[in-house]
């Protein structure tokens, strides 16, 4: 029973913001604009007189959507680079693929994303690609390190002699060696992406200041915290709930992965 309670709490912390982000846009809200920071409606109004509940229901699409999109792109690009680098028989190809990424690793992530966000202001696609770009180097190196032993194993050589395709070898055999480390890294990667997206939007370098995004709402209404606390606390709680819950789940996944590796060693 003791091990189930933390898991249940983590799931609730993650599911609630996800449900709001996914189902929120389909929930009709008929609240009319009112006075700034007024107690009208369920959660009152924000600094522009808009219903806070209505903003919460539509703000998760960007707050979480851009982060998930960035992680998917980072794994598709970085994972492919890592697999090719690990499986190639040419040393020069490995160097060409990995060394340019080493140049990007020391760059401050938030600085790179901020520069891109300023150049393409209020563009969710630009922010998503920027967050993906700063995650590609670490994902590529992670996948490469996890796939090296499997890619050079006798099983792979046997599959090559049987004229199996590169895709079949990488996804059918080598990919299984990468699943564990990638699964353990996934929780941290998504949490980091949410943090980066929220930071850029909170600093006013991303989406429009009138956007319904949760981080934008926190930034825009922080001066009215004492007048209408829910205009700040509600979106902030959803962001904190998701990141905290996902961190707890990721930590548990890491422990399970280590146990599986230890038991099979």
Foldseek 3Di string as FASTA:
>chain_A
DVVVVLLVLLCVLAVVLVCLQPCLVVDDDDDDFDAALAPPDDQFAHRRRHDLSNLSSHQSCLLQVLLVLLLVLLCVQLLVLLLCLQQDPDPVSVCVSQVVLVVLQVDDLLVQLLVQLQVVPQDSVSSSPSLSSSNNNVSNVLNNVQQNVFSPDVVVVVCVVVVDDPCCSCVVTSVVSSVLVCLLCVLVSSLVSSVSSLVCLLVVSYRHCPHSHLSSQLNNRVVCCVSRVCSNVVSVSSNCSNNVSSVSVSVVSNVVSVVVVVVVD
